[in-house]
Amino acid sequence: MNNWSLFQKLIGFGKGNDSKDNQIKWLQEINEWRKQVAHASSGVILSLDSLAQLEGYFDRLKQKVSSLGDGLDDHDDETSDVEMSE
């Protein structure tokens, strides 16, 4: 089964006709940041620019969840809000 068609509207950033790799590039960037800061002993922290970009991704994802969640029942909306805030 092609799972990309299930998640593209939510996690695909950019133009709809862009390749999957281009649409999920932001996730790969976040994963690289996660790997760098996941180990406290490394002493690596995010730059202010990276943090601002991460916050931008978060805001954009919240907007997508909100717009796609308009058709969900109240229970599903509450679950989505809790999961996004963690």
N, C-alpha and C. Protein backbone atom coordinates (compact mmCIF):
# COMPACT_ATOMS: atom_id res chain seq x y z
N MET A 1 0.84 -1.19 0.00
CA MET A 1 0.00 0.00 0.00
C MET A 1 0.88 1.24 0.00
N ASN A 2 0.49 2.23 -0.72
CA ASN A 2 1.23 3.48 -0.80
C ASN A 2 0.76 4.41 0.33
N ASN A 3 1.52 4.46 1.40
CA ASN A 3 1.14 5.28 2.55
C ASN A 3 1.29 6.77 2.30
N TRP A 4 2.12 7.16 1.35
CA TRP A 4 2.33 8.57 1.07
C TRP A 4 1.00 9.26 0.74
N SER A 5 0.14 8.61 0.02
CA SER A 5 -1.15 9.23 -0.32
C SER A 5 -1.99 9.49 0.92
N LEU A 6 -1.77 8.72 1.99
CA LEU A 6 -2.50 8.94 3.23
C LEU A 6 -2.00 10.14 4.01
N PHE A 7 -0.71 10.42 3.92
CA PHE A 7 -0.10 11.44 4.75
C PHE A 7 0.33 12.71 4.00
N GLN A 8 0.29 12.70 2.70
CA GLN A 8 0.81 13.82 1.92
C GLN A 8 0.17 15.15 2.27
N LYS A 9 -1.15 15.18 2.44
CA LYS A 9 -1.83 16.44 2.74
C LYS A 9 -1.39 17.01 4.07
N LEU A 10 -1.02 16.15 5.00
CA LEU A 10 -0.63 16.61 6.33
C LEU A 10 0.86 16.96 6.41
N ILE A 11 1.73 16.07 5.94
CA ILE A 11 3.16 16.30 6.17
C ILE A 11 3.91 16.74 4.92
N GLY A 12 3.24 16.83 3.80
CA GLY A 12 3.90 17.30 2.58
C GLY A 12 3.91 18.81 2.52
N PHE A 13 5.08 19.41 2.64
CA PHE A 13 5.22 20.86 2.55
C PHE A 13 5.72 21.20 1.15
N GLY A 14 5.24 22.28 0.60
CA GLY A 14 5.64 22.69 -0.74
C GLY A 14 4.51 22.48 -1.71
N LYS A 15 4.85 22.47 -2.96
CA LYS A 15 3.86 22.29 -4.01
C LYS A 15 3.45 20.83 -4.09
N GLY A 16 2.18 20.60 -4.38
CA GLY A 16 1.66 19.25 -4.47
C GLY A 16 2.30 18.41 -5.55
N ASN A 17 2.85 19.08 -6.57
CA ASN A 17 3.49 18.33 -7.66
C ASN A 17 4.99 18.14 -7.42
N ASP A 18 5.52 18.64 -6.30
CA ASP A 18 6.91 18.39 -5.94
C ASP A 18 7.07 16.91 -5.60
N SER A 19 8.28 16.42 -5.71
CA SER A 19 8.53 15.02 -5.35
C SER A 19 8.32 14.81 -3.86
N LYS A 20 8.07 13.59 -3.49
CA LYS A 20 7.91 13.24 -2.08
C LYS A 20 9.14 13.68 -1.28
N ASP A 21 10.32 13.44 -1.83
CA ASP A 21 11.56 13.81 -1.13
C ASP A 21 11.61 15.31 -0.84
N ASN A 22 11.19 16.13 -1.80
CA ASN A 22 11.16 17.58 -1.57
C ASN A 22 10.11 17.97 -0.55
N GLN A 23 8.98 17.27 -0.55
CA GLN A 23 7.89 17.61 0.36
C GLN A 23 8.18 17.21 1.81
N ILE A 24 9.07 16.24 2.01
CA ILE A 24 9.39 15.83 3.38
C ILE A 24 10.80 16.26 3.80
N LYS A 25 11.42 17.10 3.03
CA LYS A 25 12.76 17.59 3.37
C LYS A 25 12.78 18.21 4.77
N TRP A 26 11.71 18.88 5.14
CA TRP A 26 11.65 19.52 6.46
C TRP A 26 11.72 18.48 7.58
N LEU A 27 11.14 17.31 7.37
CA LEU A 27 11.22 16.25 8.38
C LEU A 27 12.65 15.74 8.52
N GLN A 28 13.34 15.63 7.42
CA GLN A 28 14.73 15.18 7.46
C GLN A 28 15.60 16.20 8.20
N GLU A 29 15.30 17.48 8.00
CA GLU A 29 16.04 18.54 8.69
C GLU A 29 15.80 18.46 10.20
N ILE A 30 14.55 18.27 10.58
CA ILE A 30 14.23 18.14 12.00
C ILE A 30 14.91 16.92 12.60
N ASN A 31 14.95 15.83 11.87
CA ASN A 31 15.61 14.63 12.37
C ASN A 31 17.11 14.86 12.57
N GLU A 32 17.73 15.60 11.69
CA GLU A 32 19.16 15.92 11.86
C GLU A 32 19.37 16.75 13.12
N TRP A 33 18.51 17.74 13.34
CA TRP A 33 18.62 18.55 14.57
C TRP A 33 18.42 17.67 15.79
N ARG A 34 17.43 16.77 15.71
CA ARG A 34 17.16 15.87 16.83
C ARG A 34 18.39 15.03 17.16
N LYS A 35 19.01 14.50 16.13
CA LYS A 35 20.20 13.66 16.36
C LYS A 35 21.32 14.46 17.00
N GLN A 36 21.45 15.73 16.63
CA GLN A 36 22.53 16.56 17.17
C GLN A 36 22.32 16.89 18.64
N VAL A 37 21.08 17.16 19.03
CA VAL A 37 20.83 17.61 20.40
C VAL A 37 20.34 16.51 21.32
N ALA A 38 20.11 15.32 20.79
CA ALA A 38 19.55 14.22 21.59
C ALA A 38 20.48 13.77 22.70
N HIS A 39 21.76 13.98 22.54
CA HIS A 39 22.73 13.54 23.52
C HIS A 39 23.29 14.75 24.24
N ALA A 40 22.85 14.93 25.47
CA ALA A 40 23.26 16.10 26.25
C ALA A 40 24.78 16.21 26.37
N SER A 41 25.45 15.08 26.39
CA SER A 41 26.90 15.10 26.56
C SER A 41 27.62 15.72 25.36
N SER A 42 26.94 15.80 24.22
CA SER A 42 27.59 16.39 23.04
C SER A 42 27.74 17.89 23.18
N GLY A 43 26.88 18.51 23.99
CA GLY A 43 26.95 19.94 24.20
C GLY A 43 26.41 20.75 23.02
N VAL A 44 25.78 20.10 22.06
CA VAL A 44 25.25 20.79 20.89
C VAL A 44 23.87 21.35 21.21
N ILE A 45 23.65 22.60 20.83
CA ILE A 45 22.33 23.21 20.96
C ILE A 45 21.93 23.78 19.60
N LEU A 46 20.65 24.02 19.44
CA LEU A 46 20.17 24.61 18.18
C LEU A 46 20.52 26.08 18.12
N SER A 47 20.84 26.55 16.94
CA SER A 47 21.05 27.98 16.75
C SER A 47 19.69 28.67 16.82
N LEU A 48 19.70 29.98 17.00
CA LEU A 48 18.44 30.73 17.03
C LEU A 48 17.71 30.62 15.70
N ASP A 49 18.46 30.61 14.61
CA ASP A 49 17.84 30.46 13.29
C ASP A 49 17.16 29.10 13.14
N SER A 50 17.84 28.06 13.60
CA SER A 50 17.26 26.72 13.53
C SER A 50 16.02 26.62 14.41
N LEU A 51 16.08 27.22 15.59
CA LEU A 51 14.93 27.21 16.49
C LEU A 51 13.76 27.95 15.87
N ALA A 52 14.02 29.09 15.24
CA ALA A 52 12.95 29.84 14.57
C ALA A 52 12.35 29.02 13.44
N GLN A 53 13.19 28.33 12.69
CA GLN A 53 12.70 27.47 11.62
C GLN A 53 11.85 26.33 12.17
N LEU A 54 12.29 25.73 13.26
CA LEU A 54 11.55 24.65 13.90
C LEU A 54 10.18 25.14 14.37
N GLU A 55 10.15 26.32 14.96
CA GLU A 55 8.87 26.90 15.39
C GLU A 55 7.97 27.18 14.18
N GLY A 56 8.56 27.60 13.07
CA GLY A 56 7.79 27.81 11.85
C GLY A 56 7.18 26.51 11.33
N TYR A 57 7.95 25.45 11.36
CA TYR A 57 7.44 24.14 10.96
C TYR A 57 6.28 23.72 11.86
N PHE A 58 6.45 23.94 13.16
CA PHE A 58 5.41 23.58 14.12
C PHE A 58 4.12 24.35 13.84
N ASP A 59 4.25 25.66 13.61
CA ASP A 59 3.07 26.48 13.32
C ASP A 59 2.38 26.02 12.03
N ARG A 60 3.17 25.74 11.03
CA ARG A 60 2.61 25.29 9.75
C ARG A 60 1.90 23.95 9.91
N LEU A 61 2.50 23.05 10.67
CA LEU A 61 1.89 21.75 10.90
C LEU A 61 0.58 21.89 11.69
N LYS A 62 0.57 22.78 12.69
CA LYS A 62 -0.66 23.02 13.45
C LYS A 62 -1.77 23.53 12.53
N GLN A 63 -1.42 24.42 11.60
CA GLN A 63 -2.42 24.92 10.66
C GLN A 63 -2.96 23.80 9.78
N LYS A 64 -2.09 22.94 9.32
CA LYS A 64 -2.53 21.82 8.48
C LYS A 64 -3.43 20.88 9.25
N VAL A 65 -3.06 20.57 10.48
CA VAL A 65 -3.87 19.69 11.32
C VAL A 65 -5.24 20.32 11.53
N SER A 66 -5.26 21.61 11.80
CA SER A 66 -6.51 22.30 12.02
C SER A 66 -7.39 22.29 10.78
N SER A 67 -6.81 22.56 9.63
CA SER A 67 -7.60 22.61 8.40
C SER A 67 -8.07 21.23 7.98
N LEU A 68 -7.25 20.21 8.18
CA LEU A 68 -7.66 18.85 7.84
C LEU A 68 -8.60 18.26 8.88
N GLY A 69 -8.55 18.77 10.10
CA GLY A 69 -9.36 18.24 11.17
C GLY A 69 -10.77 18.79 11.22
N ASP A 70 -11.11 19.71 10.33
CA ASP A 70 -12.45 20.30 10.34
C ASP A 70 -13.54 19.25 10.19
N GLY A 71 -13.26 18.16 9.52
CA GLY A 71 -14.26 17.13 9.31
C GLY A 71 -14.29 16.06 10.37
N LEU A 72 -13.42 16.17 11.39
CA LEU A 72 -13.35 15.15 12.44
C LEU A 72 -14.36 15.45 13.53
N ASP A 73 -14.74 14.40 14.29
CA ASP A 73 -15.63 14.65 15.43
C ASP A 73 -14.84 15.27 16.57
N ASP A 74 -15.53 15.74 17.61
CA ASP A 74 -14.88 16.47 18.71
C ASP A 74 -13.81 15.64 19.41
N HIS A 75 -14.03 14.35 19.60
CA HIS A 75 -13.03 13.52 20.29
C HIS A 75 -11.72 13.48 19.52
N ASP A 76 -11.79 13.34 18.21
CA ASP A 76 -10.57 13.29 17.41
C ASP A 76 -9.83 14.63 17.46
N ASP A 77 -10.54 15.76 17.46
CA ASP A 77 -9.89 17.07 17.53
C ASP A 77 -9.14 17.22 18.84
N GLU A 78 -9.75 16.78 19.95
CA GLU A 78 -9.07 16.89 21.25
C GLU A 78 -7.81 16.04 21.27
N THR A 79 -7.88 14.86 20.71
CA THR A 79 -6.71 13.98 20.67
C THR A 79 -5.60 14.61 19.85
N SER A 80 -5.93 15.21 18.72
CA SER A 80 -4.92 15.83 17.87
C SER A 80 -4.24 16.98 18.60
N ASP A 81 -5.02 17.80 19.33
CA ASP A 81 -4.45 18.93 20.05
C ASP A 81 -3.49 18.45 21.13
N VAL A 82 -3.84 17.42 21.84
CA VAL A 82 -2.97 16.89 22.89
C VAL A 82 -1.68 16.36 22.29
N GLU A 83 -1.79 15.60 21.22
CA GLU A 83 -0.60 15.01 20.60
C GLU A 83 0.31 16.09 20.06
N MET A 84 -0.23 17.16 19.48
CA MET A 84 0.60 18.22 18.91
C MET A 84 1.31 19.02 19.99
N SER A 85 0.72 19.15 21.19
CA SER A 85 1.32 19.98 22.21
C SER A 85 2.41 19.27 22.99
N GLU A 86 2.50 17.96 22.85
CA GLU A 86 3.51 17.22 23.60
C GLU A 86 4.87 17.30 22.98
